[in-house]
Amino acid sequence: MEERRIAAFGGTFDPVHNGHIAVVRAIVGNFHLDQLLIIPANRPPHKTSSAIADAYHRFTMAVLASL
């Protein structure tokens, strides 16, 4: 079986910003990955504000930023 190189990058992504994009570009540019998973966190315990966008919208923002 062939080995695959997969990385995961998680965050709240509320909203996706240039810092997130810079990290993704650095990961892609420095590692020979077969796949990079971008995973929006549910509701992290260190962010207690009710102003966090719902998971669907944060997921959609991450998808749109990856295009």
Protein backbone atom coordinates (compact mmCIF):
# COMPACT_ATOMS: atom_id res chain seq x y z
CA MET A 1 0.00 0.00 0.00
CA GLU A 2 1.33 3.43 -0.94
CA GLU A 3 1.89 5.90 1.89
CA ARG A 4 -0.10 9.13 1.70
CA ARG A 5 0.92 12.40 3.31
CA ILE A 6 -2.10 14.12 4.84
CA ALA A 7 -2.17 17.16 7.13
CA ALA A 8 -5.02 18.75 9.06
CA PHE A 9 -5.41 22.46 9.80
CA GLY A 10 -8.11 23.36 12.26
CA GLY A 11 -9.46 26.66 13.47
CA THR A 12 -12.61 28.60 14.19
CA PHE A 13 -12.35 30.42 10.83
CA ASP A 14 -14.71 33.16 11.97
CA PRO A 15 -13.99 34.63 9.54
CA VAL A 16 -11.28 33.14 7.37
CA HIS A 17 -8.57 35.80 7.19
CA ASN A 18 -5.20 36.41 5.54
CA GLY A 19 -3.40 34.73 8.45
CA HIS A 20 -5.26 31.46 7.81
CA ILE A 21 -4.50 31.69 4.10
CA ALA A 22 -0.80 32.39 4.80
CA VAL A 23 -0.58 29.31 7.04
CA VAL A 24 -2.22 27.11 4.40
CA ARG A 25 0.14 28.44 1.71
CA ALA A 26 3.14 27.79 3.97
CA ILE A 27 2.00 24.24 4.68
CA VAL A 28 1.39 23.51 1.00
CA GLY A 29 4.66 25.19 -0.01
CA ASN A 30 6.89 23.40 2.51
CA PHE A 31 5.50 19.88 2.72
CA HIS A 32 4.87 17.43 -0.06
CA LEU A 33 1.29 16.62 0.84
CA ASP A 34 -1.23 14.50 -0.97
CA GLN A 35 -4.06 16.21 0.90
CA LEU A 36 -4.64 19.09 3.32
CA LEU A 37 -7.80 18.91 5.40
CA ILE A 38 -9.18 22.27 6.56
CA ILE A 39 -11.38 21.62 9.57
CA PRO A 40 -13.56 24.31 11.17
CA ALA A 41 -13.77 23.82 14.94
CA ASN A 42 -17.18 23.44 16.51
CA ARG A 43 -17.37 26.02 19.33
CA PRO A 44 -13.99 26.21 21.04
CA PRO A 45 -14.05 26.58 24.83
CA HIS A 46 -11.79 29.66 24.78
CA LYS A 47 -14.30 31.57 22.64
CA THR A 48 -17.45 31.90 24.71
CA SER A 49 -19.06 34.70 22.72
CA SER A 50 -22.42 33.96 21.17
CA ALA A 51 -21.30 36.12 18.24
CA ILE A 52 -19.52 33.16 16.60
CA ALA A 53 -21.03 32.37 13.20
CA ASP A 54 -22.78 29.03 12.95
CA ALA A 55 -20.80 26.02 11.77
CA TYR A 56 -22.38 25.93 8.30
CA HIS A 57 -21.36 29.51 7.52
CA ARG A 58 -17.83 29.03 8.83
CA PHE A 59 -17.50 25.84 6.78
CA THR A 60 -18.76 27.68 3.69
CA MET A 61 -16.25 30.51 4.28
CA ALA A 62 -13.43 27.95 4.49
CA VAL A 63 -14.57 26.26 1.27
CA LEU A 64 -14.80 29.58 -0.59
CA ALA A 65 -11.35 30.65 0.66
CA SER A 66 -9.85 27.41 -0.65
CA LEU A 67 -10.96 28.00 -4.23
